Amino acid sequence: MQVLFTWIELLRNEFKSLGTFWWMAWNTMLAIISVVLTVVLFKREAQPRRGLRTFTFFFEIALVLLFLPNAPYVATDLIHFLETVRLTDVSLWKLLGTEFPLYAAFVLFGLLCYSFTVDRLLYAMNMRLGRTWYRVGLFGIPLLSSIGIYIGRVARFNSWDILS
């Protein structure tokens, strides 16, 4: 486990070398983790499964939900654009033409990662657990994600802080 944390910190330091938008690239990489986990764990053609895979299903959901808030969290990075507008002497129109498209691309990518992951999770829940759990997931997943975003933006915790 310590090797994983060391690797994450080294990778984070590499992202800092990207310059001004290093944290946007870092948050986007974290958003991709939930997509990768979902693709690996919840293949559409493999639903429903039996035996040990059903036993581990709830662990797999919890693991994906642990990283899922990173995807919509990218949208909250728009506050940094507002901060840039407030602190710089550059005209708003120039910032809208140069920096805002970059922010918009990162936000769009994060929301696409979120949508894809939630779609796969809901499909898996529907196929394995039935329509009732699908409806629970329909309301529960966004609720848990919003709590995760709050914990990340306000309390300043990361997904891997739970693991450590």
N, C-alpha and C. Protein backbone atom coordinates (compact mmCIF):
# COMPACT_ATOMS: atom_id res chain seq x y z
N MET A 1 0.83 -1.18 0.00
CA MET A 1 0.00 0.00 0.00
C MET A 1 0.88 1.26 0.00
N GLN A 2 1.98 1.20 0.74
CA GLN A 2 2.89 2.33 0.79
C GLN A 2 3.48 2.63 -0.59
N VAL A 3 3.70 1.60 -1.38
CA VAL A 3 4.22 1.79 -2.74
C VAL A 3 3.22 2.59 -3.58
N LEU A 4 1.93 2.29 -3.43
CA LEU A 4 0.89 3.01 -4.16
C LEU A 4 0.90 4.48 -3.78
N PHE A 5 0.99 4.79 -2.50
CA PHE A 5 0.98 6.19 -2.05
C PHE A 5 2.22 6.93 -2.53
N THR A 6 3.34 6.26 -2.52
CA THR A 6 4.58 6.87 -3.03
C THR A 6 4.46 7.15 -4.51
N TRP A 7 3.89 6.21 -5.26
CA TRP A 7 3.69 6.38 -6.70
C TRP A 7 2.75 7.56 -6.98
N ILE A 8 1.68 7.67 -6.20
CA ILE A 8 0.72 8.76 -6.39
C ILE A 8 1.39 10.11 -6.14
N GLU A 9 2.19 10.21 -5.09
CA GLU A 9 2.88 11.47 -4.80
C GLU A 9 3.91 11.82 -5.89
N LEU A 10 4.63 10.83 -6.39
CA LEU A 10 5.58 11.08 -7.47
C LEU A 10 4.86 11.55 -8.73
N LEU A 11 3.74 10.91 -9.04
CA LEU A 11 2.96 11.30 -10.20
C LEU A 11 2.42 12.72 -10.03
N ARG A 12 1.98 13.04 -8.84
CA ARG A 12 1.46 14.38 -8.57
C ARG A 12 2.55 15.43 -8.77
N ASN A 13 3.75 15.14 -8.33
CA ASN A 13 4.86 16.07 -8.53
C ASN A 13 5.18 16.25 -10.01
N GLU A 14 5.02 15.18 -10.80
CA GLU A 14 5.22 15.29 -12.26
C GLU A 14 4.17 16.21 -12.87
N PHE A 15 2.93 16.13 -12.40
CA PHE A 15 1.88 16.99 -12.92
C PHE A 15 2.15 18.45 -12.60
N LYS A 16 2.79 18.72 -11.47
CA LYS A 16 3.10 20.10 -11.10
C LYS A 16 4.05 20.74 -12.10
N SER A 17 4.82 19.93 -12.80
CA SER A 17 5.74 20.47 -13.80
C SER A 17 5.01 20.95 -15.05
N LEU A 18 3.72 20.68 -15.16
CA LEU A 18 2.96 21.13 -16.34
C LEU A 18 2.70 22.63 -16.33
N GLY A 19 2.83 23.26 -15.17
CA GLY A 19 2.64 24.71 -15.11
C GLY A 19 1.32 25.09 -14.48
N THR A 20 0.72 26.15 -15.00
CA THR A 20 -0.45 26.77 -14.40
C THR A 20 -1.62 25.82 -14.19
N PHE A 21 -1.86 24.96 -15.13
CA PHE A 21 -3.05 24.10 -15.06
C PHE A 21 -2.74 22.69 -14.57
N TRP A 22 -1.67 22.51 -13.82
CA TRP A 22 -1.30 21.17 -13.38
C TRP A 22 -2.41 20.51 -12.58
N TRP A 23 -3.10 21.26 -11.74
CA TRP A 23 -4.14 20.68 -10.89
C TRP A 23 -5.36 20.26 -11.70
N MET A 24 -5.61 20.95 -12.83
CA MET A 24 -6.71 20.52 -13.68
C MET A 24 -6.37 19.19 -14.34
N ALA A 25 -5.14 19.04 -14.78
CA ALA A 25 -4.71 17.77 -15.38
C ALA A 25 -4.72 16.66 -14.33
N TRP A 26 -4.30 16.97 -13.12
CA TRP A 26 -4.30 16.00 -12.03
C TRP A 26 -5.73 15.55 -11.71
N ASN A 27 -6.65 16.50 -11.57
CA ASN A 27 -8.05 16.16 -11.26
C ASN A 27 -8.68 15.36 -12.39
N THR A 28 -8.30 15.65 -13.62
CA THR A 28 -8.83 14.90 -14.76
C THR A 28 -8.30 13.47 -14.74
N MET A 29 -7.05 13.29 -14.38
CA MET A 29 -6.51 11.93 -14.27
C MET A 29 -7.26 11.15 -13.18
N LEU A 30 -7.58 11.82 -12.08
CA LEU A 30 -8.34 11.16 -11.02
C LEU A 30 -9.75 10.80 -11.50
N ALA A 31 -10.32 11.64 -12.37
CA ALA A 31 -11.64 11.35 -12.94
C ALA A 31 -11.61 10.10 -13.80
N ILE A 32 -10.50 9.87 -14.47
CA ILE A 32 -10.36 8.70 -15.35
C ILE A 32 -10.32 7.40 -14.54
N ILE A 33 -9.86 7.46 -13.29
CA ILE A 33 -9.77 6.26 -12.47
C ILE A 33 -11.13 5.59 -12.32
N SER A 34 -12.18 6.37 -12.09
CA SER A 34 -13.52 5.77 -11.94
C SER A 34 -13.98 5.12 -13.25
N VAL A 35 -13.62 5.71 -14.38
CA VAL A 35 -13.99 5.13 -15.68
C VAL A 35 -13.27 3.81 -15.88
N VAL A 36 -11.98 3.78 -15.61
CA VAL A 36 -11.20 2.56 -15.78
C VAL A 36 -11.72 1.46 -14.87
N LEU A 37 -11.98 1.78 -13.62
CA LEU A 37 -12.52 0.79 -12.69
C LEU A 37 -13.87 0.25 -13.18
N THR A 38 -14.71 1.14 -13.69
CA THR A 38 -16.02 0.73 -14.17
C THR A 38 -15.91 -0.18 -15.38
N VAL A 39 -15.04 0.16 -16.31
CA VAL A 39 -14.86 -0.67 -17.51
C VAL A 39 -14.35 -2.05 -17.13
N VAL A 40 -13.41 -2.10 -16.19
CA VAL A 40 -12.83 -3.39 -15.79
C VAL A 40 -13.82 -4.22 -14.98
N LEU A 41 -14.55 -3.58 -14.07
CA LEU A 41 -15.39 -4.34 -13.14
C LEU A 41 -16.81 -4.60 -13.62
N PHE A 42 -17.35 -3.72 -14.45
CA PHE A 42 -18.76 -3.82 -14.83
C PHE A 42 -18.95 -3.87 -16.34
N LYS A 43 -18.52 -4.94 -16.94
CA LYS A 43 -18.71 -5.13 -18.37
C LYS A 43 -20.17 -5.47 -18.62
N ARG A 44 -20.79 -4.81 -19.58
CA ARG A 44 -22.21 -5.02 -19.85
C ARG A 44 -22.55 -6.47 -20.20
N GLU A 45 -21.70 -7.08 -21.00
CA GLU A 45 -22.00 -8.44 -21.44
C GLU A 45 -21.81 -9.46 -20.32
N ALA A 46 -21.18 -9.07 -19.24
CA ALA A 46 -20.91 -9.99 -18.14
C ALA A 46 -21.96 -9.92 -17.03
N GLN A 47 -23.03 -9.18 -17.23
CA GLN A 47 -24.07 -9.07 -16.20
C GLN A 47 -25.19 -10.04 -16.50
N PRO A 48 -25.85 -10.66 -15.59
CA PRO A 48 -25.42 -10.81 -14.20
C PRO A 48 -24.48 -11.99 -14.02
N ARG A 49 -23.68 -11.95 -13.00
CA ARG A 49 -22.75 -13.03 -12.69
C ARG A 49 -23.18 -13.69 -11.40
N ARG A 50 -22.67 -14.87 -11.15
CA ARG A 50 -23.03 -15.63 -9.95
C ARG A 50 -21.77 -15.99 -9.17
N GLY A 51 -21.98 -16.51 -7.99
CA GLY A 51 -20.87 -17.03 -7.19
C GLY A 51 -20.08 -15.94 -6.51
N LEU A 52 -18.77 -16.09 -6.50
CA LEU A 52 -17.88 -15.17 -5.82
C LEU A 52 -17.99 -13.76 -6.39
N ARG A 53 -18.22 -13.63 -7.69
CA ARG A 53 -18.34 -12.30 -8.30
C ARG A 53 -19.54 -11.54 -7.75
N THR A 54 -20.61 -12.25 -7.40
CA THR A 54 -21.74 -11.59 -6.78
C THR A 54 -21.38 -11.13 -5.36
N PHE A 55 -20.60 -11.93 -4.67
CA PHE A 55 -20.16 -11.59 -3.32
C PHE A 55 -19.31 -10.33 -3.32
N THR A 56 -18.46 -10.19 -4.31
CA THR A 56 -17.56 -9.03 -4.38
C THR A 56 -18.21 -7.81 -5.04
N PHE A 57 -19.44 -7.96 -5.51
CA PHE A 57 -20.12 -6.89 -6.23
C PHE A 57 -20.21 -5.61 -5.39
N PHE A 58 -20.56 -5.73 -4.12
CA PHE A 58 -20.72 -4.55 -3.28
C PHE A 58 -19.37 -3.89 -2.99
N PHE A 59 -18.32 -4.69 -2.87
CA PHE A 59 -16.98 -4.13 -2.71
C PHE A 59 -16.58 -3.36 -3.96
N GLU A 60 -16.90 -3.92 -5.13
CA GLU A 60 -16.57 -3.25 -6.39
C GLU A 60 -17.31 -1.93 -6.52
N ILE A 61 -18.59 -1.92 -6.14
CA ILE A 61 -19.37 -0.67 -6.18
C ILE A 61 -18.75 0.36 -5.24
N ALA A 62 -18.39 -0.07 -4.04
CA ALA A 62 -17.80 0.85 -3.06
C ALA A 62 -16.49 1.43 -3.59
N LEU A 63 -15.69 0.62 -4.24
CA LEU A 63 -14.42 1.08 -4.79
C LEU A 63 -14.64 2.13 -5.87
N VAL A 64 -15.59 1.89 -6.76
CA VAL A 64 -15.88 2.86 -7.81
C VAL A 64 -16.45 4.14 -7.20
N LEU A 65 -17.35 4.00 -6.22
CA LEU A 65 -17.95 5.18 -5.58
C LEU A 65 -16.91 6.00 -4.82
N LEU A 66 -15.85 5.36 -4.37
CA LEU A 66 -14.78 6.08 -3.68
C LEU A 66 -14.08 7.06 -4.62
N PHE A 67 -13.90 6.67 -5.87
CA PHE A 67 -13.20 7.53 -6.83
C PHE A 67 -14.16 8.35 -7.71
N LEU A 68 -15.44 8.01 -7.73
CA LEU A 68 -16.39 8.69 -8.61
C LEU A 68 -16.50 10.20 -8.38
N PRO A 69 -16.49 10.70 -7.15
CA PRO A 69 -16.62 12.16 -6.98
C PRO A 69 -15.51 12.97 -7.64
N ASN A 70 -14.40 12.34 -7.97
CA ASN A 70 -13.33 13.06 -8.67
C ASN A 70 -13.76 13.54 -10.05
N ALA A 71 -14.69 12.82 -10.68
CA ALA A 71 -15.12 13.20 -12.03
C ALA A 71 -15.91 14.51 -12.04
N PRO A 72 -17.01 14.62 -11.27
CA PRO A 72 -17.71 15.92 -11.28
C PRO A 72 -16.98 17.01 -10.50
N TYR A 73 -16.01 16.61 -9.66
CA TYR A 73 -15.22 17.59 -8.91
C TYR A 73 -14.50 18.54 -9.85
N VAL A 74 -14.14 18.05 -11.03
CA VAL A 74 -13.44 18.88 -12.02
C VAL A 74 -14.28 20.12 -12.35
N ALA A 75 -15.60 20.00 -12.31
CA ALA A 75 -16.47 21.14 -12.61
C ALA A 75 -16.32 22.24 -11.57
N THR A 76 -15.98 21.87 -10.34
CA THR A 76 -15.83 22.89 -9.30
C THR A 76 -14.54 23.69 -9.47
N ASP A 77 -13.66 23.24 -10.35
CA ASP A 77 -12.43 23.99 -10.60
C ASP A 77 -12.68 25.29 -11.34
N LEU A 78 -13.92 25.52 -11.78
CA LEU A 78 -14.25 26.80 -12.41
C LEU A 78 -14.08 27.97 -11.45
N ILE A 79 -14.09 27.70 -10.14
CA ILE A 79 -13.87 28.80 -9.20
C ILE A 79 -12.49 29.41 -9.39
N HIS A 80 -11.55 28.63 -9.89
CA HIS A 80 -10.22 29.16 -10.14
C HIS A 80 -10.22 30.14 -11.32
N PHE A 81 -11.11 29.91 -12.29
CA PHE A 81 -11.23 30.85 -13.41
C PHE A 81 -11.76 32.18 -12.89
N LEU A 82 -12.75 32.13 -12.01
CA LEU A 82 -13.30 33.37 -11.44
C LEU A 82 -12.23 34.11 -10.63
N GLU A 83 -11.41 33.35 -9.95
CA GLU A 83 -10.30 33.93 -9.20
C GLU A 83 -9.30 34.61 -10.14
N THR A 84 -9.02 33.97 -11.27
CA THR A 84 -8.12 34.55 -12.27
C THR A 84 -8.69 35.85 -12.82
N VAL A 85 -9.99 35.86 -13.09
CA VAL A 85 -10.64 37.08 -13.60
C VAL A 85 -10.52 38.20 -12.58
N ARG A 86 -10.71 37.86 -11.33
CA ARG A 86 -10.68 38.87 -10.27
C ARG A 86 -9.26 39.43 -10.03
N LEU A 87 -8.25 38.58 -10.16
CA LEU A 87 -6.89 38.99 -9.77
C LEU A 87 -6.03 39.52 -10.91
N THR A 88 -6.44 39.35 -12.15
CA THR A 88 -5.58 39.73 -13.27
C THR A 88 -6.01 41.06 -13.88
N ASP A 89 -5.07 41.67 -14.57
CA ASP A 89 -5.35 42.92 -15.28
C ASP A 89 -5.81 42.68 -16.71
N VAL A 90 -5.74 41.44 -17.16
CA VAL A 90 -6.13 41.09 -18.53
C VAL A 90 -7.64 41.24 -18.66
N SER A 91 -8.09 41.67 -19.82
CA SER A 91 -9.53 41.88 -20.03
C SER A 91 -10.30 40.56 -19.96
N LEU A 92 -11.53 40.67 -19.54
CA LEU A 92 -12.39 39.49 -19.43
C LEU A 92 -12.54 38.81 -20.78
N TRP A 93 -12.66 39.58 -21.86
CA TRP A 93 -12.83 39.00 -23.19
C TRP A 93 -11.62 38.18 -23.61
N LYS A 94 -10.43 38.66 -23.26
CA LYS A 94 -9.23 37.91 -23.60
C LYS A 94 -9.17 36.61 -22.81
N LEU A 95 -9.52 36.67 -21.52
CA LEU A 95 -9.55 35.46 -20.69
C LEU A 95 -10.59 34.46 -21.20
N LEU A 96 -11.75 34.98 -21.63
CA LEU A 96 -12.79 34.10 -22.17
C LEU A 96 -12.34 33.42 -23.45
N GLY A 97 -11.47 34.07 -24.18
CA GLY A 97 -10.99 33.48 -25.43
C GLY A 97 -9.78 32.59 -25.27
N THR A 98 -9.01 32.79 -24.22
CA THR A 98 -7.77 32.02 -24.06
C THR A 98 -7.86 30.96 -22.96
N GLU A 99 -8.23 31.33 -21.75
CA GLU A 99 -8.22 30.39 -20.64
C GLU A 99 -9.53 29.62 -20.48
N PHE A 100 -10.65 30.29 -20.70
CA PHE A 100 -11.93 29.64 -20.46
C PHE A 100 -12.14 28.38 -21.30
N PRO A 101 -11.76 28.34 -22.57
CA PRO A 101 -11.94 27.09 -23.33
C PRO A 101 -11.20 25.90 -22.71
N LEU A 102 -10.05 26.15 -22.11
CA LEU A 102 -9.32 25.08 -21.44
C LEU A 102 -10.09 24.58 -20.22
N TYR A 103 -10.59 25.51 -19.42
CA TYR A 103 -11.41 25.12 -18.27
C TYR A 103 -12.64 24.34 -18.74
N ALA A 104 -13.29 24.84 -19.79
CA ALA A 104 -14.51 24.19 -20.29
C ALA A 104 -14.22 22.78 -20.78
N ALA A 105 -13.08 22.57 -21.42
CA ALA A 105 -12.73 21.23 -21.90
C ALA A 105 -12.52 20.26 -20.73
N PHE A 106 -11.82 20.71 -19.70
CA PHE A 106 -11.61 19.86 -18.53
C PHE A 106 -12.94 19.54 -17.84
N VAL A 107 -13.80 20.55 -17.70
CA VAL A 107 -15.10 20.34 -17.04
C VAL A 107 -15.95 19.36 -17.85
N LEU A 108 -16.00 19.55 -19.15
CA LEU A 108 -16.78 18.66 -20.01
C LEU A 108 -16.27 17.23 -19.91
N PHE A 109 -14.97 17.05 -19.94
CA PHE A 109 -14.40 15.72 -19.83
C PHE A 109 -14.74 15.08 -18.49
N GLY A 110 -14.65 15.84 -17.41
CA GLY A 110 -15.00 15.31 -16.09
C GLY A 110 -16.46 14.89 -16.01
N LEU A 111 -17.35 15.70 -16.57
CA LEU A 111 -18.77 15.35 -16.54
C LEU A 111 -19.08 14.16 -17.44
N LEU A 112 -18.36 14.02 -18.53
CA LEU A 112 -18.52 12.83 -19.38
C LEU A 112 -18.06 11.57 -18.64
N CYS A 113 -16.95 11.67 -17.93
CA CYS A 113 -16.48 10.53 -17.12
C CYS A 113 -17.53 10.15 -16.07
N TYR A 114 -18.10 11.16 -15.44
CA TYR A 114 -19.13 10.92 -14.42
C TYR A 114 -20.35 10.23 -15.04
N SER A 115 -20.84 10.75 -16.15
CA SER A 115 -22.02 10.18 -16.81
C SER A 115 -21.79 8.74 -17.23
N PHE A 116 -20.64 8.47 -17.82
CA PHE A 116 -20.32 7.12 -18.26
C PHE A 116 -20.28 6.16 -17.07
N THR A 117 -19.63 6.56 -16.01
CA THR A 117 -19.50 5.70 -14.84
C THR A 117 -20.85 5.43 -14.19
N VAL A 118 -21.65 6.46 -14.03
CA VAL A 118 -22.97 6.29 -13.40
C VAL A 118 -23.85 5.38 -14.27
N ASP A 119 -23.78 5.55 -15.58
CA ASP A 119 -24.56 4.69 -16.48
C ASP A 119 -24.19 3.22 -16.29
N ARG A 120 -22.90 2.94 -16.26
CA ARG A 120 -22.44 1.56 -16.08
C ARG A 120 -22.85 1.01 -14.70
N LEU A 121 -22.70 1.83 -13.66
CA LEU A 121 -23.08 1.38 -12.32
C LEU A 121 -24.57 1.07 -12.24
N LEU A 122 -25.40 1.96 -12.78
CA LEU A 122 -26.84 1.74 -12.73
C LEU A 122 -27.25 0.51 -13.52
N TYR A 123 -26.63 0.30 -14.66
CA TYR A 123 -26.92 -0.89 -15.45
C TYR A 123 -26.58 -2.15 -14.66
N ALA A 124 -25.40 -2.16 -14.05
CA ALA A 124 -24.97 -3.33 -13.28
C ALA A 124 -25.90 -3.56 -12.09
N MET A 125 -26.29 -2.49 -11.42
CA MET A 125 -27.20 -2.64 -10.28
C MET A 125 -28.55 -3.18 -10.72
N ASN A 126 -29.04 -2.69 -11.84
CA ASN A 126 -30.33 -3.15 -12.35
C ASN A 126 -30.27 -4.63 -12.73
N MET A 127 -29.22 -5.04 -13.40
CA MET A 127 -29.11 -6.42 -13.85
C MET A 127 -28.87 -7.40 -12.70
N ARG A 128 -28.10 -6.99 -11.71
CA ARG A 128 -27.76 -7.90 -10.62
C ARG A 128 -28.74 -7.87 -9.47
N LEU A 129 -29.23 -6.67 -9.15
CA LEU A 129 -30.02 -6.52 -7.92
C LEU A 129 -31.49 -6.19 -8.17
N GLY A 130 -31.83 -5.79 -9.39
CA GLY A 130 -33.22 -5.51 -9.71
C GLY A 130 -33.55 -4.03 -9.76
N ARG A 131 -34.79 -3.78 -10.14
CA ARG A 131 -35.27 -2.42 -10.38
C ARG A 131 -35.26 -1.56 -9.12
N THR A 132 -35.52 -2.13 -7.96
CA THR A 132 -35.55 -1.36 -6.72
C THR A 132 -34.17 -0.78 -6.41
N TRP A 133 -33.13 -1.60 -6.53
CA TRP A 133 -31.78 -1.12 -6.27
C TRP A 133 -31.32 -0.14 -7.35
N TYR A 134 -31.83 -0.30 -8.56
CA TYR A 134 -31.55 0.67 -9.62
C TYR A 134 -32.06 2.04 -9.20
N ARG A 135 -33.28 2.09 -8.67
CA ARG A 135 -33.86 3.37 -8.23
C ARG A 135 -33.10 3.94 -7.03
N VAL A 136 -32.68 3.07 -6.13
CA VAL A 136 -31.87 3.53 -4.99
C VAL A 136 -30.57 4.14 -5.51
N GLY A 137 -29.95 3.48 -6.47
CA GLY A 137 -28.72 4.00 -7.07
C GLY A 137 -28.93 5.30 -7.82
N LEU A 138 -30.10 5.43 -8.45
CA LEU A 138 -30.42 6.62 -9.22
C LEU A 138 -30.38 7.87 -8.34
N PHE A 139 -30.79 7.73 -7.09
CA PHE A 139 -30.75 8.87 -6.16
C PHE A 139 -29.52 8.82 -5.26
N GLY A 140 -29.06 7.63 -4.92
CA GLY A 140 -27.96 7.49 -3.98
C GLY A 140 -26.60 7.85 -4.56
N ILE A 141 -26.36 7.49 -5.81
CA ILE A 141 -25.06 7.77 -6.42
C ILE A 141 -24.79 9.27 -6.51
N PRO A 142 -25.71 10.08 -7.03
CA PRO A 142 -25.45 11.53 -7.04
C PRO A 142 -25.34 12.12 -5.64
N LEU A 143 -26.11 11.59 -4.70
CA LEU A 143 -26.02 12.08 -3.32
C LEU A 143 -24.64 11.80 -2.73
N LEU A 144 -24.17 10.56 -2.89
CA LEU A 144 -22.84 10.22 -2.38
C LEU A 144 -21.74 11.00 -3.11
N SER A 145 -21.93 11.23 -4.39
CA SER A 145 -20.94 12.01 -5.15
C SER A 145 -20.89 13.45 -4.66
N SER A 146 -22.06 14.03 -4.38
CA SER A 146 -22.06 15.42 -3.89
C SER A 146 -21.42 15.52 -2.52
N ILE A 147 -21.61 14.51 -1.68
CA ILE A 147 -20.93 14.50 -0.38
C ILE A 147 -19.42 14.40 -0.59
N GLY A 148 -19.01 13.56 -1.52
CA GLY A 148 -17.58 13.43 -1.84
C GLY A 148 -16.99 14.72 -2.38
N ILE A 149 -17.74 15.42 -3.21
CA ILE A 149 -17.26 16.70 -3.74
C ILE A 149 -17.10 17.70 -2.60
N TYR A 150 -18.06 17.73 -1.70
CA TYR A 150 -17.98 18.63 -0.54
C TYR A 150 -16.74 18.30 0.30
N ILE A 151 -16.52 17.02 0.56
CA ILE A 151 -15.36 16.61 1.35
C ILE A 151 -14.06 17.02 0.66
N GLY A 152 -14.03 16.94 -0.66
CA GLY A 152 -12.83 17.33 -1.40
C GLY A 152 -12.64 18.82 -1.50
N ARG A 153 -13.71 19.56 -1.78
CA ARG A 153 -13.59 21.01 -2.00
C ARG A 153 -13.49 21.78 -0.69
N VAL A 154 -14.28 21.41 0.31
CA VAL A 154 -14.32 22.18 1.55
C VAL A 154 -13.39 21.60 2.61
N ALA A 155 -13.47 20.29 2.86
CA ALA A 155 -12.63 19.66 3.88
C ALA A 155 -11.23 19.35 3.36
N ARG A 156 -11.04 19.41 2.03
CA ARG A 156 -9.74 19.24 1.38
C ARG A 156 -9.13 17.85 1.56
N PHE A 157 -9.97 16.82 1.51
CA PHE A 157 -9.49 15.44 1.55
C PHE A 157 -9.49 14.87 0.14
N ASN A 158 -8.63 13.89 -0.09
CA ASN A 158 -8.54 13.21 -1.38
C ASN A 158 -9.09 11.80 -1.24
N SER A 159 -9.35 11.14 -2.37
CA SER A 159 -9.88 9.77 -2.36
C SER A 159 -8.94 8.81 -1.66
N TRP A 160 -7.65 8.97 -1.84
CA TRP A 160 -6.72 8.03 -1.26
C TRP A 160 -6.49 8.28 0.23
N ASP A 161 -6.98 9.43 0.77
CA ASP A 161 -6.87 9.65 2.21
C ASP A 161 -7.67 8.60 2.98
N ILE A 162 -8.76 8.13 2.41
CA ILE A 162 -9.55 7.07 3.04
C ILE A 162 -8.74 5.78 3.12
N LEU A 163 -7.97 5.50 2.08
CA LEU A 163 -7.16 4.29 2.06
C LEU A 163 -5.98 4.35 3.02
N SER A 164 -5.49 5.56 3.26
CA SER A 164 -4.33 5.69 4.16
C SER A 164 -4.80 6.02 5.56
